[in-house]
Amino acid sequence: MTGGTAAPSTAARPVHQRVYDALKQWTVGRSLNSVYNDGAPVRQEQVRELFAAEDFERLRRVKTLHDPHNLFRFNHNIRPTAATD
């Protein structure tokens, strides 16, 4: 442990993904705790699953208006519409 955060575990990630996949049929896909944030990039399709479709698109419009260059892009990044998915 360094600086108060645990180092990413390459062994835990695949196990977590198997559990997530097994339970996915019973989730609504909107739990921010269901995506790892251990320093590795979170895929945009994972971020999309965190929000209802209309909410995600509204957030993208806000992001495009207020942060078109995607300067605030940490954690569960919602890219502006001009950015490539």
Protein backbone atom coordinates (compact mmCIF):
# COMPACT_ATOMS: atom_id res chain seq x y z
CA MET A 1 0.00 0.00 0.00
CA THR A 2 1.42 3.38 -1.01
CA GLY A 3 -0.01 6.78 -0.23
CA GLY A 4 -3.14 5.34 1.31
CA THR A 5 -4.34 3.47 -1.79
CA ALA A 6 -3.93 -0.18 -2.62
CA ALA A 7 -1.90 -1.11 -5.68
CA PRO A 8 -3.94 -2.44 -8.63
CA SER A 9 -4.35 -6.18 -8.54
CA THR A 10 -4.11 -7.93 -11.87
CA ALA A 11 -5.35 -11.12 -10.18
CA ALA A 12 -8.51 -9.52 -8.75
CA ARG A 13 -9.70 -7.81 -11.95
CA PRO A 14 -10.65 -11.00 -13.88
CA VAL A 15 -12.37 -12.45 -10.81
CA HIS A 16 -14.36 -9.25 -10.37
CA GLN A 17 -15.33 -9.31 -14.06
CA ARG A 18 -16.62 -12.91 -13.78
CA VAL A 19 -18.78 -11.97 -10.77
CA TYR A 20 -20.02 -8.83 -12.56
CA ASP A 21 -20.88 -10.85 -15.70
CA ALA A 22 -22.68 -13.54 -13.67
CA LEU A 23 -24.85 -10.96 -11.86
CA LYS A 24 -25.37 -8.59 -14.81
CA GLN A 25 -28.82 -9.96 -15.71
CA TRP A 26 -30.10 -8.79 -12.31
CA THR A 27 -28.54 -5.32 -12.30
CA VAL A 28 -29.80 -2.07 -13.73
CA GLY A 29 -26.24 -1.13 -14.70
CA ARG A 30 -26.23 2.13 -12.82
CA SER A 31 -24.00 1.39 -9.84
CA LEU A 32 -20.83 3.48 -9.77
CA ASN A 33 -19.31 0.81 -7.56
CA SER A 34 -19.59 -1.83 -10.27
CA VAL A 35 -16.61 -0.53 -12.27
CA TYR A 36 -13.04 -0.81 -11.07
CA ASN A 37 -11.22 2.42 -10.42
CA ASP A 38 -7.77 1.12 -9.59
CA GLY A 39 -5.91 3.49 -11.86
CA ALA A 40 -6.58 1.56 -15.05
CA PRO A 41 -8.69 3.29 -17.70
CA VAL A 42 -12.42 2.57 -17.61
CA ARG A 43 -13.81 1.79 -21.07
CA GLN A 44 -16.44 4.19 -22.42
CA GLU A 45 -18.97 1.36 -22.82
CA GLN A 46 -18.58 0.65 -19.07
CA VAL A 47 -19.26 4.31 -18.31
CA ARG A 48 -22.37 4.24 -20.54
CA GLU A 49 -23.76 1.36 -18.47
CA LEU A 50 -23.64 3.50 -15.33
CA PHE A 51 -26.44 5.79 -16.52
CA ALA A 52 -29.83 5.53 -18.16
CA ALA A 53 -29.40 6.27 -21.90
CA GLU A 54 -31.18 9.64 -21.76
CA ASP A 55 -29.17 10.70 -18.71
CA PHE A 56 -25.90 9.75 -20.36
CA GLU A 57 -26.73 11.77 -23.47
CA ARG A 58 -27.75 14.77 -21.34
CA LEU A 59 -24.44 14.55 -19.46
CA ARG A 60 -22.56 14.38 -22.77
CA ARG A 61 -24.31 17.56 -23.94
CA VAL A 62 -23.35 19.31 -20.69
CA LYS A 63 -19.77 18.03 -21.02
CA THR A 64 -19.61 19.25 -24.63
CA LEU A 65 -20.86 22.68 -23.62
CA HIS A 66 -18.69 23.20 -20.54
CA ASP A 67 -15.64 20.98 -21.18
CA PRO A 68 -15.31 20.43 -24.96
CA HIS A 69 -11.59 19.60 -24.65
CA ASN A 70 -12.24 16.94 -21.97
CA LEU A 71 -9.93 18.49 -19.39
CA PHE A 72 -11.91 16.96 -16.52
CA ARG A 73 -11.59 13.31 -17.49
CA PHE A 74 -10.70 11.29 -14.43
CA ASN A 75 -12.57 8.38 -12.84
CA HIS A 76 -15.69 7.59 -14.87
CA ASN A 77 -15.09 9.95 -17.79
CA ILE A 78 -18.00 11.04 -19.94
CA ARG A 79 -16.47 12.25 -23.16
CA PRO A 80 -17.83 15.31 -24.96
CA THR A 81 -19.66 14.53 -28.20
CA ALA A 82 -16.70 15.76 -30.28
CA ALA A 83 -14.42 13.15 -28.70
CA THR A 84 -14.04 9.69 -30.25
CA ASP A 85 -15.63 6.78 -28.38
